[in-house]
Amino acid sequence: MHTVEMLECALDFANHAGYGIRHEWLDGASSGRCEIAGQKWLFVDLALSPIEQLDQVLEALRSDPDIGAVKAPEELQRALGIRPAA
């Protein structure tokens, strides 16, 4: 899967996992996940290249302790380091 396809897959997965997605021009400043008023949000920095955006999205998802409970596509599971259920 190409980088942009993987990024779209990761963002779809994050949305399915309950994240609101915001694409913002953050000029390389901190981006990632946060919680606002009980809602999980994922901020994607439009100033970054697609591969940098993908790295940040994957890092944010990996830091969510509950992310393994949501079924992810196999290739995304590998990228996140999630072991498929037996």
Protein backbone atom coordinates (compact mmCIF):
# COMPACT_ATOMS: atom_id res chain seq x y z
CA MET A 1 0.00 0.00 0.00
CA HIS A 2 1.37 3.43 -0.92
CA THR A 3 1.93 6.13 1.71
CA VAL A 4 -1.13 8.23 0.82
CA GLU A 5 -3.35 5.12 0.75
CA MET A 6 -1.97 4.02 4.12
CA LEU A 7 -2.57 7.52 5.53
CA GLU A 8 -6.18 7.44 4.33
CA CYS A 9 -6.59 3.94 5.77
CA ALA A 10 -5.13 5.04 9.13
CA LEU A 11 -7.41 8.10 9.24
CA ASP A 12 -10.48 5.99 8.36
CA PHE A 13 -9.49 3.56 11.10
CA ALA A 14 -9.02 6.40 13.61
CA ASN A 15 -12.45 7.74 12.71
CA HIS A 16 -13.96 4.27 13.13
CA ALA A 17 -12.18 4.02 16.51
CA GLY A 18 -14.02 7.15 17.69
CA TYR A 19 -11.61 9.94 16.78
CA GLY A 20 -12.68 13.21 15.26
CA ILE A 21 -10.15 14.18 12.58
CA ARG A 22 -8.96 17.76 12.11
CA HIS A 23 -6.67 18.76 9.25
CA GLU A 24 -4.98 21.98 10.34
CA TRP A 25 -2.04 24.09 9.24
CA LEU A 26 0.14 23.72 12.36
CA ASP A 27 3.40 24.74 10.68
CA GLY A 28 5.28 21.73 12.03
CA ALA A 29 4.15 22.37 15.61
CA SER A 30 2.86 19.57 17.77
CA SER A 31 0.15 17.44 16.25
CA GLY A 32 -1.36 14.15 17.31
CA ARG A 33 -4.16 13.00 19.54
CA CYS A 34 -5.92 14.70 22.40
CA GLU A 35 -9.22 14.62 24.23
CA ILE A 36 -11.52 17.63 24.43
CA ALA A 37 -14.73 17.45 26.49
CA GLY A 38 -14.65 13.64 26.38
CA GLN A 39 -14.20 13.49 22.57
CA LYS A 40 -11.02 11.99 21.14
CA TRP A 41 -9.42 14.14 18.44
CA LEU A 42 -6.59 13.55 16.01
CA PHE A 43 -4.89 16.63 14.56
CA VAL A 44 -3.09 16.21 11.24
CA ASP A 45 -0.59 18.94 10.32
CA LEU A 46 -1.06 20.00 6.69
CA ALA A 47 2.44 21.54 6.73
CA LEU A 48 3.95 18.04 6.78
CA SER A 49 4.53 15.64 3.89
CA PRO A 50 2.22 12.60 3.60
CA ILE A 51 4.86 10.28 5.07
CA GLU A 52 5.37 12.62 8.05
CA GLN A 53 1.61 12.85 8.52
CA LEU A 54 1.37 9.05 8.41
CA ASP A 55 4.16 8.72 10.98
CA GLN A 56 2.38 11.11 13.33
CA VAL A 57 -1.01 9.42 12.89
CA LEU A 58 0.50 5.97 13.53
CA GLU A 59 2.39 7.28 16.58
CA ALA A 60 -0.80 8.82 17.96
CA LEU A 61 -2.77 5.61 17.44
CA ARG A 62 -0.02 3.48 18.99
CA SER A 63 -0.19 5.65 22.13
CA ASP A 64 -3.90 4.89 22.58
CA PRO A 65 -4.11 1.97 25.03
CA ASP A 66 -7.54 0.94 23.69
CA ILE A 67 -6.65 0.87 20.00
CA GLY A 68 -6.05 -2.90 19.92
CA ALA A 69 -9.74 -3.49 20.69
CA VAL A 70 -10.78 -2.04 17.32
CA LYS A 71 -10.43 -4.27 14.24
CA ALA A 72 -7.91 -2.80 11.81
CA PRO A 73 -7.00 -3.89 8.28
CA GLU A 74 -4.10 -6.36 8.30
CA GLU A 75 -1.54 -4.00 6.77
CA LEU A 76 -2.46 -1.28 9.26
CA GLN A 77 -2.19 -3.78 12.11
CA ARG A 78 1.39 -4.50 11.02
CA ALA A 79 2.20 -0.77 10.80
CA LEU A 80 0.75 -0.23 14.29
CA GLY A 81 2.43 -3.31 15.74
CA ILE A 82 -0.90 -4.87 16.68
CA ARG A 83 -0.93 -8.65 16.74
CA PRO A 84 -4.00 -10.14 15.07
CA ALA A 85 -6.32 -12.03 17.41
CA ALA A 86 -5.99 -15.82 17.18
